[in-house]
Amino acid sequence: DIIAIVLGQVFLSEGEFLNWLMTLGLVLVLLGASVSGSYTTNLTLLKWVGIYSVIWGVAVVVFRHLAIEDMPIGQFMTGWYLGSLLGAYLLIKSRRFGSPRGFLGTRETLVILMLAILVWASMLLNYIALQNAPIVVVQPLFQVSEMVLPFLVGLFVFKEAKGLSRAGKYALTISLAGGLLIILGYQL
């Protein structure tokens, strides 16, 4: 998220959207994320997380650029998923996979279809969000929602309140406050 925000500032001149309230909110969101995160010295893991962060940071800036240039949503979604399909095909062809162990049942196929629809809807909503607000607003809000929503599901659906640490409670509170400040700051 930091990579996308910095690249948005540099390449899309989105610094004009940033005010003191949004800056404070951004700092709180990042602080909340760092409090909630677990730290590791596993260099392989850090390398993969770093590569992932760079890829998605650049992708978000490209999404925002296409969104503000008014690329039609259908064209964007078609291009994104045809590119993904081509990439998957090339990946499969470049590796030697064993023969499949069998066909998927109806239930497994329906679960995969449901997940595919959710991923498609997520990408669509991401693009719409980037059409309507700068990266410095959208990315921190996504970060807060990616922390808060799974937390709430764990808390209420899986009854995990007992496992919540003090640091987790602080992280949630700090991140929510930061998200609210970003929203309020963007409205100014």
Protein backbone atom coordinates (compact mmCIF):
# COMPACT_ATOMS: atom_id res chain seq x y z
CA ASP A 1 0.00 0.00 0.00
CA ILE A 2 2.86 2.37 0.75
CA ILE A 3 4.36 1.63 -2.66
CA ALA A 4 1.07 2.45 -4.41
CA ILE A 5 0.62 5.66 -2.41
CA VAL A 6 4.17 6.86 -3.12
CA LEU A 7 3.94 5.96 -6.82
CA GLY A 8 0.57 7.73 -7.01
CA GLN A 9 2.18 10.83 -5.55
CA VAL A 10 5.11 10.69 -7.97
CA PHE A 11 3.50 9.58 -11.25
CA LEU A 12 -0.10 10.73 -10.93
CA SER A 13 0.50 13.96 -8.97
CA GLU A 14 -1.93 12.89 -6.26
CA GLY A 15 -0.16 14.95 -3.60
CA GLU A 16 -2.76 17.66 -4.14
CA PHE A 17 -5.37 15.47 -2.43
CA LEU A 18 -3.35 15.03 0.75
CA ASN A 19 -4.13 17.37 3.65
CA TRP A 20 -3.10 17.30 7.30
CA LEU A 21 -6.14 15.27 8.42
CA MET A 22 -5.61 12.64 5.75
CA THR A 23 -1.89 12.51 6.55
CA LEU A 24 -2.66 11.91 10.22
CA GLY A 25 -5.19 9.22 9.23
CA LEU A 26 -2.65 7.55 6.95
CA VAL A 27 -0.07 7.50 9.75
CA LEU A 28 -2.63 5.93 12.11
CA VAL A 29 -3.63 3.27 9.56
CA LEU A 30 0.01 2.34 9.01
CA LEU A 31 0.65 2.34 12.75
CA GLY A 32 -2.36 0.08 13.33
CA ALA A 33 -1.17 -2.28 10.61
CA SER A 34 2.32 -2.43 12.10
CA VAL A 35 0.96 -3.08 15.61
CA SER A 36 -1.24 -5.92 14.35
CA GLY A 37 1.40 -7.52 12.15
CA SER A 38 3.68 -10.25 13.31
CA TYR A 39 7.33 -9.79 12.59
CA THR A 40 9.61 -12.37 11.15
CA THR A 41 13.26 -12.73 10.33
CA ASN A 42 12.47 -15.29 7.62
CA LEU A 43 14.27 -13.66 4.69
CA THR A 44 12.57 -15.87 2.11
CA LEU A 45 9.15 -14.81 3.38
CA LEU A 46 10.20 -11.15 3.44
CA LYS A 47 11.48 -11.45 -0.14
CA TRP A 48 8.15 -12.85 -1.38
CA VAL A 49 6.15 -10.26 0.53
CA GLY A 50 8.37 -7.55 -0.94
CA ILE A 51 7.89 -8.82 -4.49
CA TYR A 52 4.12 -9.07 -3.91
CA SER A 53 4.06 -5.51 -2.57
CA VAL A 54 5.94 -4.10 -5.55
CA ILE A 55 3.73 -5.94 -8.06
CA TRP A 56 0.49 -4.76 -6.45
CA GLY A 57 1.83 -1.27 -5.78
CA VAL A 58 2.57 -0.82 -9.47
CA ALA A 59 -0.72 -2.51 -10.47
CA VAL A 60 -2.77 -0.13 -8.32
CA VAL A 61 -1.11 2.89 -9.93
CA VAL A 62 -1.83 1.46 -13.38
CA PHE A 63 -5.46 0.80 -12.34
CA ARG A 64 -5.80 4.38 -11.12
CA HIS A 65 -4.23 5.76 -14.30
CA LEU A 66 -6.64 3.75 -16.47
CA ALA A 67 -9.57 4.74 -14.25
CA ILE A 68 -8.87 8.49 -14.46
CA GLU A 69 -8.34 8.15 -18.21
CA ASP A 70 -11.91 6.76 -18.34
CA MET A 71 -11.11 3.31 -19.66
CA PRO A 72 -14.49 1.51 -19.74
CA ILE A 73 -14.91 -0.95 -16.88
CA GLY A 74 -15.82 -3.79 -19.26
CA GLN A 75 -12.65 -3.24 -21.27
CA PHE A 76 -10.53 -3.14 -18.10
CA MET A 77 -12.08 -6.30 -16.64
CA THR A 78 -11.83 -8.19 -19.94
CA GLY A 79 -8.19 -7.20 -20.38
CA TRP A 80 -7.30 -8.04 -16.78
CA TYR A 81 -8.85 -11.50 -16.83
CA LEU A 82 -7.70 -12.42 -20.34
CA GLY A 83 -4.20 -11.46 -19.22
CA SER A 84 -4.63 -13.60 -16.11
CA LEU A 85 -5.87 -16.51 -18.20
CA LEU A 86 -2.90 -16.21 -20.56
CA GLY A 87 -0.51 -16.03 -17.60
CA ALA A 88 -2.07 -19.12 -16.01
CA TYR A 89 -1.87 -20.99 -19.31
CA LEU A 90 1.81 -20.10 -19.75
CA LEU A 91 2.54 -21.10 -16.16
CA ILE A 92 0.90 -24.48 -16.63
CA LYS A 93 2.73 -25.06 -19.92
CA SER A 94 6.09 -24.05 -18.44
CA ARG A 95 5.86 -26.60 -15.60
CA ARG A 96 5.50 -30.34 -15.58
CA PHE A 97 2.36 -31.03 -13.65
CA GLY A 98 1.31 -34.57 -12.93
CA SER A 99 -1.92 -35.86 -14.32
CA PRO A 100 -5.00 -34.61 -12.47
CA ARG A 101 -6.26 -36.96 -9.80
CA GLY A 102 -9.82 -36.74 -11.07
CA PHE A 103 -12.66 -34.39 -11.80
CA LEU A 104 -14.12 -31.98 -9.30
CA GLY A 105 -17.51 -32.76 -7.87
CA THR A 106 -20.52 -30.47 -8.16
CA ARG A 107 -20.01 -29.00 -4.69
CA GLU A 108 -16.33 -28.17 -5.29
CA THR A 109 -17.17 -26.66 -8.68
CA LEU A 110 -19.86 -24.45 -7.12
CA VAL A 111 -17.48 -23.29 -4.38
CA ILE A 112 -14.84 -22.40 -6.97
CA LEU A 113 -17.46 -20.59 -9.07
CA MET A 114 -18.64 -18.62 -6.03
CA LEU A 115 -15.07 -17.64 -5.14
CA ALA A 116 -14.37 -16.65 -8.75
CA ILE A 117 -17.43 -14.39 -8.76
CA LEU A 118 -16.32 -12.80 -5.46
CA VAL A 119 -12.82 -12.16 -6.82
CA TRP A 120 -14.29 -10.68 -10.01
CA ALA A 121 -16.63 -8.43 -7.97
CA SER A 122 -13.73 -7.37 -5.76
CA MET A 123 -11.65 -6.31 -8.77
CA LEU A 124 -14.64 -4.48 -10.26
CA LEU A 125 -15.26 -2.56 -7.02
CA ASN A 126 -11.54 -1.79 -6.72
CA TYR A 127 -11.59 -0.23 -10.19
CA ILE A 128 -14.75 1.76 -9.41
CA ALA A 129 -13.20 3.02 -6.17
CA LEU A 130 -10.09 4.16 -8.06
CA GLN A 131 -12.30 5.97 -10.57
CA ASN A 132 -13.85 7.96 -7.74
CA ALA A 133 -10.99 8.67 -5.35
CA PRO A 134 -7.19 8.97 -5.36
CA ILE A 135 -4.90 6.16 -4.24
CA VAL A 136 -4.04 8.00 -1.03
CA VAL A 137 -7.70 7.67 -0.01
CA VAL A 138 -8.56 4.25 -1.44
CA GLN A 139 -5.54 2.17 -0.39
CA PRO A 140 -5.58 3.04 3.33
CA LEU A 141 -9.32 2.38 3.45
CA PHE A 142 -8.78 -0.99 1.79
CA GLN A 143 -6.05 -1.70 4.34
CA VAL A 144 -8.39 -0.88 7.24
CA SER A 145 -11.20 -2.99 5.78
CA GLU A 146 -8.81 -5.89 5.16
CA MET A 147 -7.94 -5.78 8.86
CA VAL A 148 -11.33 -4.99 10.36
CA LEU A 149 -13.68 -7.22 8.37
CA PRO A 150 -11.79 -10.50 9.00
CA PHE A 151 -11.50 -9.44 12.63
CA LEU A 152 -15.27 -8.95 12.90
CA VAL A 153 -15.94 -12.29 11.20
CA GLY A 154 -13.58 -13.99 13.63
CA LEU A 155 -15.12 -12.16 16.57
CA PHE A 156 -18.79 -12.75 15.79
CA VAL A 157 -18.93 -15.79 13.50
CA PHE A 158 -16.12 -17.90 15.00
CA LYS A 159 -16.35 -16.47 18.55
CA GLU A 160 -12.62 -15.68 18.75
CA ALA A 161 -12.89 -12.79 21.24
CA LYS A 162 -10.90 -14.69 23.88
CA GLY A 163 -7.92 -14.98 21.55
CA LEU A 164 -7.78 -11.25 20.84
CA SER A 165 -4.67 -9.70 22.32
CA ARG A 166 -4.37 -6.22 23.75
CA ALA A 167 -2.17 -5.30 20.77
CA GLY A 168 -4.92 -6.52 18.42
CA LYS A 169 -7.48 -4.32 20.15
CA TYR A 170 -5.16 -1.32 19.92
CA ALA A 171 -4.42 -2.03 16.26
CA LEU A 172 -8.11 -2.22 15.43
CA THR A 173 -8.92 1.01 17.26
CA ILE A 174 -5.98 2.92 15.79
CA SER A 175 -6.75 1.71 12.25
CA LEU A 176 -10.44 2.57 12.50
CA ALA A 177 -9.59 6.06 13.76
CA GLY A 178 -7.13 6.50 10.89
CA GLY A 179 -9.69 5.36 8.33
CA LEU A 180 -12.25 7.82 9.68
CA LEU A 181 -9.72 10.67 9.52
CA ILE A 182 -8.92 9.83 5.89
CA ILE A 183 -12.61 9.85 5.00
CA LEU A 184 -13.20 13.12 6.85
CA GLY A 185 -10.04 14.66 5.38
CA TYR A 186 -11.05 13.74 1.84
CA GLN A 187 -14.44 15.38 2.34
CA LEU A 188 -12.84 18.74 3.28
